[in-house]
């Protein structure tokens, strides 16, 4: 009877012109400060619970404190994931729960705030979602991405994704122009990753970026890689199948550029 009475009251109020928000009880407000604190908890379940609450709020309702906590949580996961990869390279295994990382990255991406650029750059190496988010920021994302690309401490997947991000930014510069200074530092980064000892995937992605930049000096380097396997070997890639792969990739990048002209 009580439920029926409440339904009758709500219906009558609406019929009289009262706004629905005035007659239907509002959901309990989320304590964003508490959620922000939980995001940085050492307890995994607390972090997942807080992240679910932040996701439910949606980007438009997330305040500055919770926004900054989400970004900080991604930075924590960046460091944790890098430590896990470095341990694996040493033959060690760090037991950790990795599911939180892509989920917090997804929520931070959805914020579309430039404050997240350094944290997103730190998440490079984990696929196109992060790459696309950084490309959307255009030139303003370049310094943070360059830090990853040029650092000798960066993991190879992060360098690969950083080079690909820069390539897409350069290719989009017809509609979102880059300043001459920014283009110069990208050229320098591409040259760095086409020189010295590099992994095969880095040479491939650096070749794509070099050709996209349409820089004569870089294009000549890529041409040598495509034509002479010894050029690839001199950069530390000695497996014949990988040498051939780098050469094919360099040739494909040059052919793609030629087709656009």
Protein backbone atom coordinates (compact mmCIF):
# COMPACT_ATOMS: atom_id res chain seq x y z
CA UNK A 1 0.00 0.00 0.00
CA UNK A 2 2.84 2.39 0.89
CA UNK A 3 4.52 1.82 -2.48
CA UNK A 4 1.23 2.40 -4.32
CA UNK A 5 0.63 5.58 -2.33
CA UNK A 6 4.10 6.92 -3.23
CA UNK A 7 3.52 6.13 -6.89
CA UNK A 8 0.19 7.98 -6.78
CA UNK A 9 1.83 11.01 -5.15
CA UNK A 10 4.62 11.13 -7.78
CA UNK A 11 2.12 10.77 -10.65
CA UNK A 12 -0.09 13.49 -9.20
CA UNK A 13 2.86 15.82 -8.75
CA UNK A 14 3.99 15.34 -12.33
CA UNK A 15 0.44 15.94 -13.56
CA UNK A 16 0.48 19.23 -11.67
CA UNK A 17 3.65 20.30 -13.48
CA UNK A 18 6.26 19.60 -10.83
CA UNK A 19 9.72 18.75 -12.30
CA UNK A 20 10.63 15.08 -12.07
CA UNK A 21 13.88 15.91 -10.25
CA UNK A 22 11.85 17.49 -7.45
CA UNK A 23 9.62 14.49 -6.84
CA UNK A 24 12.03 11.55 -7.44
CA UNK A 25 14.62 11.24 -4.66
CA UNK A 26 18.13 11.98 -5.96
CA UNK A 27 20.78 9.29 -5.73
CA UNK A 28 23.17 9.67 -2.85
CA UNK A 29 26.02 12.01 -3.77
CA UNK A 30 29.44 10.41 -4.25
CA UNK A 31 32.12 11.57 -1.83
CA UNK A 32 34.78 12.29 -4.45
CA UNK A 33 37.43 13.03 -1.84
CA UNK A 34 36.98 9.57 -0.34
CA UNK A 35 37.02 7.98 -3.79
CA UNK A 36 40.24 9.84 -4.59
CA UNK A 37 41.87 8.51 -1.43
CA UNK A 38 40.75 4.96 -2.19
CA UNK A 39 42.24 5.12 -5.69
CA UNK A 40 45.68 5.38 -4.13
CA UNK A 41 45.06 2.70 -1.51
CA UNK A 42 47.45 -0.21 -1.15
CA UNK A 43 44.43 -2.53 -1.15
CA UNK A 44 43.60 -3.80 -4.63
CA UNK A 45 39.88 -4.16 -3.97
CA UNK A 46 39.67 -0.59 -2.68
CA UNK A 47 41.25 0.69 -5.89
CA UNK A 48 38.88 -1.30 -8.08
CA UNK A 49 35.88 -0.11 -6.07
CA UNK A 50 36.99 3.52 -6.33
CA UNK A 51 37.66 3.21 -10.03
CA UNK A 52 34.17 1.79 -10.60
CA UNK A 53 32.68 4.78 -8.79
CA UNK A 54 34.74 7.22 -10.86
CA UNK A 55 33.73 5.48 -14.07
CA UNK A 56 30.06 5.62 -13.06
CA UNK A 57 30.30 9.37 -12.48
CA UNK A 58 31.50 10.00 -16.02
CA UNK A 59 34.13 12.56 -17.11
CA UNK A 60 31.80 15.57 -16.94
CA UNK A 61 31.02 15.02 -13.24
CA UNK A 62 34.52 14.24 -12.03
CA UNK A 63 35.95 17.11 -9.99
CA UNK A 64 39.58 18.33 -9.89
CA UNK A 65 40.59 16.30 -6.82
CA UNK A 66 39.29 13.01 -8.21
CA UNK A 67 40.69 13.83 -11.67
CA UNK A 68 44.15 14.36 -10.21
CA UNK A 69 43.86 11.15 -8.19
CA UNK A 70 43.00 9.19 -11.33
CA UNK A 71 46.05 10.60 -13.08
CA UNK A 72 48.21 9.82 -10.04
CA UNK A 73 46.83 6.27 -9.98
CA UNK A 74 47.85 5.81 -13.62
CA UNK A 75 51.34 7.09 -12.82
CA UNK A 76 51.60 4.55 -9.99
CA UNK A 77 50.55 1.79 -12.38
CA UNK A 78 53.09 3.00 -14.94
CA UNK A 79 55.88 2.58 -12.38
CA UNK A 80 54.57 -0.75 -11.17
CA UNK A 81 54.28 -2.15 -14.69
CA UNK A 82 57.75 -0.96 -15.65
CA UNK A 83 59.19 -2.61 -12.54
CA UNK A 84 57.43 -5.86 -13.45
CA UNK A 85 58.86 -5.78 -16.99
CA UNK A 86 62.35 -5.04 -15.72
CA UNK A 87 62.09 -7.90 -13.25
CA UNK A 88 61.02 -10.22 -16.05
CA UNK A 89 64.11 -9.22 -18.05
CA UNK A 90 66.20 -10.24 -15.04
CA UNK A 91 64.43 -13.59 -14.93
CA UNK A 92 62.39 -12.63 -11.88
CA UNK A 93 58.65 -12.68 -11.41
CA UNK A 94 56.69 -10.09 -9.46
CA UNK A 95 53.25 -11.33 -8.58
CA UNK A 96 50.87 -8.49 -9.20
CA UNK A 97 47.37 -7.86 -10.44
CA UNK A 98 47.50 -6.23 -13.84
CA UNK A 99 43.78 -5.82 -14.63
CA UNK A 100 43.65 -2.43 -12.92
CA UNK A 101 46.16 -0.87 -15.33
CA UNK A 102 44.15 -0.88 -18.58
CA UNK A 103 40.99 0.08 -16.72
CA UNK A 104 42.46 3.15 -15.02
CA UNK A 105 44.14 4.11 -18.32
CA UNK A 106 40.75 3.96 -20.05
CA UNK A 107 39.16 6.26 -17.46
CA UNK A 108 42.05 8.74 -17.67
CA UNK A 109 41.86 8.76 -21.47
CA UNK A 110 38.16 9.60 -21.24
CA UNK A 111 38.95 12.68 -19.13
CA UNK A 112 40.51 14.34 -22.20
CA UNK A 113 42.57 16.67 -20.04
CA UNK A 114 46.02 17.93 -20.97
CA UNK A 115 47.04 17.43 -17.34
CA UNK A 116 47.09 13.70 -18.09
CA UNK A 117 49.59 13.93 -20.96
CA UNK A 118 52.70 12.94 -18.93
CA UNK A 119 50.86 9.99 -17.34
CA UNK A 120 49.55 8.85 -20.72
CA UNK A 121 53.03 9.12 -22.22
CA UNK A 122 54.21 6.94 -19.35
CA UNK A 123 51.60 4.37 -20.40
CA UNK A 124 52.97 4.09 -23.94
CA UNK A 125 53.67 0.51 -24.88
CA UNK A 126 50.16 -0.70 -24.14
CA UNK A 127 48.36 -0.23 -27.42
CA UNK A 128 46.37 2.14 -29.58
CA UNK A 129 44.05 3.55 -26.92
CA UNK A 130 46.88 5.53 -25.34
CA UNK A 131 48.44 6.37 -28.72
CA UNK A 132 45.16 7.78 -30.05
CA UNK A 133 44.62 9.84 -26.91
CA UNK A 134 48.05 11.44 -27.20
CA UNK A 135 47.65 12.06 -30.94
CA UNK A 136 44.40 13.90 -30.18
CA UNK A 137 46.39 16.40 -28.08
CA UNK A 138 48.59 17.15 -31.09
CA UNK A 139 51.69 19.26 -30.61
CA UNK A 140 51.14 19.71 -26.88
CA UNK A 141 51.77 15.99 -26.35
CA UNK A 142 55.05 15.95 -28.27
CA UNK A 143 57.46 16.90 -25.42
CA UNK A 144 56.22 14.11 -23.14
CA UNK A 145 56.30 11.55 -25.96
CA UNK A 146 59.81 12.64 -26.95
CA UNK A 147 60.97 12.05 -23.39
CA UNK A 148 59.90 8.42 -23.71
CA UNK A 149 61.28 7.97 -27.23
CA UNK A 150 64.72 9.41 -26.49
CA UNK A 151 65.31 7.94 -23.03
CA UNK A 152 67.66 4.96 -22.83
CA UNK A 153 65.66 3.83 -19.77
CA UNK A 154 62.43 3.39 -21.75
CA UNK A 155 61.20 -0.11 -22.49
CA UNK A 156 61.24 -1.10 -26.16
CA UNK A 157 57.41 -1.32 -26.49
CA UNK A 158 57.15 2.22 -25.09
CA UNK A 159 59.71 3.52 -27.60
CA UNK A 160 57.87 1.75 -30.42
CA UNK A 161 54.53 3.25 -29.44
CA UNK A 162 56.12 6.67 -28.92
CA UNK A 163 57.60 6.63 -32.41
CA UNK A 164 54.24 5.60 -33.85
CA UNK A 165 52.52 8.40 -31.90
CA UNK A 166 54.93 10.95 -33.34
CA UNK A 167 54.39 9.56 -36.83
CA UNK A 168 50.63 10.05 -36.53
CA UNK A 169 51.09 13.56 -35.13
CA UNK A 170 53.35 14.43 -38.06
CA UNK A 171 50.95 12.91 -40.59
CA UNK A 172 48.15 14.96 -39.07
CA UNK A 173 50.11 18.20 -39.30
CA UNK A 174 48.44 19.12 -42.58
CA UNK A 175 45.35 20.01 -40.59
CA UNK A 176 47.09 20.65 -37.24
CA UNK A 177 50.40 22.28 -38.16
CA UNK A 178 53.55 21.74 -36.09
CA UNK A 179 55.91 24.57 -35.27
CA UNK A 180 59.35 24.45 -36.94
CA UNK A 181 60.96 23.97 -33.52
CA UNK A 182 58.76 20.97 -32.74
CA UNK A 183 59.46 19.43 -36.13
CA UNK A 184 63.21 19.85 -35.56
CA UNK A 185 63.18 17.98 -32.24
CA UNK A 186 61.10 15.18 -33.78
CA UNK A 187 63.64 14.91 -36.62
CA UNK A 188 66.42 14.67 -34.02
CA UNK A 189 64.56 11.91 -32.16
CA UNK A 190 64.03 9.93 -35.37
CA UNK A 191 67.73 10.28 -36.24
CA UNK A 192 68.68 9.07 -32.75
CA UNK A 193 66.56 5.94 -33.13
CA UNK A 194 67.99 5.24 -36.58
CA UNK A 195 71.54 5.38 -35.23
CA UNK A 196 73.61 3.22 -32.93
CA UNK A 197 72.41 -0.11 -31.61
CA UNK A 198 68.63 -0.49 -31.84
CA UNK A 199 66.02 -3.23 -31.70
CA UNK A 200 64.46 -4.27 -35.00
CA UNK A 201 61.03 -2.94 -34.06
CA UNK A 202 62.54 0.43 -33.14
CA UNK A 203 64.25 0.66 -36.53
CA UNK A 204 60.95 -0.17 -38.23
CA UNK A 205 58.96 2.47 -36.37
CA UNK A 206 61.75 5.04 -36.68
CA UNK A 207 61.80 4.45 -40.44
CA UNK A 208 58.06 5.10 -40.66
CA UNK A 209 58.47 8.32 -38.67
CA UNK A 210 61.52 9.41 -40.69
CA UNK A 211 59.69 9.07 -44.00
CA UNK A 212 56.60 10.85 -42.63
CA UNK A 213 58.82 13.81 -41.69
CA UNK A 214 59.89 14.18 -45.33
CA UNK A 215 63.40 15.10 -44.21
CA UNK A 216 66.04 14.48 -46.87
CA UNK A 217 68.74 13.29 -44.48
CA UNK A 218 66.43 10.88 -42.72
CA UNK A 219 65.04 9.59 -45.98
CA UNK A 220 68.57 8.78 -47.15
CA UNK A 221 69.17 6.75 -43.98
CA UNK A 222 65.95 4.78 -44.55
CA UNK A 223 66.96 4.25 -48.18
CA UNK A 224 70.26 2.72 -47.06
CA UNK A 225 68.46 0.43 -44.62
CA UNK A 226 66.14 -0.74 -47.38
CA UNK A 227 68.91 -1.41 -49.87
CA UNK A 228 71.78 -2.72 -47.75
CA UNK A 229 71.36 -5.40 -45.09
CA UNK A 230 74.75 -4.48 -43.64
CA UNK A 231 73.29 -1.12 -42.65
CA UNK A 232 70.76 -2.98 -40.52
CA UNK A 233 73.40 -5.32 -39.07
CA UNK A 234 75.57 -2.34 -38.12
CA UNK A 235 72.71 -1.16 -35.91
CA UNK A 236 72.72 -4.33 -33.85
CA UNK A 237 70.14 -6.46 -35.69
CA UNK A 238 71.94 -9.66 -36.74
CA UNK A 239 69.21 -12.27 -37.15
CA UNK A 240 68.80 -12.67 -40.94
CA UNK A 241 65.00 -12.86 -40.76
CA UNK A 242 64.84 -9.67 -38.68
CA UNK A 243 67.29 -7.91 -40.99
CA UNK A 244 65.03 -8.77 -43.90
CA UNK A 245 61.97 -7.60 -41.98
CA UNK A 246 63.55 -4.21 -41.25
CA UNK A 247 64.51 -3.85 -44.91
CA UNK A 248 60.99 -4.67 -46.08
CA UNK A 249 59.51 -2.20 -43.62
CA UNK A 250 61.90 0.56 -44.71
CA UNK A 251 61.12 -0.12 -48.37
CA UNK A 252 57.39 -0.10 -47.67
CA UNK A 253 57.64 3.26 -45.89
CA UNK A 254 59.49 4.75 -48.86
CA UNK A 255 57.00 3.30 -51.34
CA UNK A 256 54.06 4.66 -49.36
CA UNK A 257 55.60 8.15 -49.37
CA UNK A 258 56.31 7.95 -53.10
CA UNK A 259 52.70 6.97 -53.80
CA UNK A 260 51.44 10.05 -51.95
CA UNK A 261 53.52 12.42 -54.05
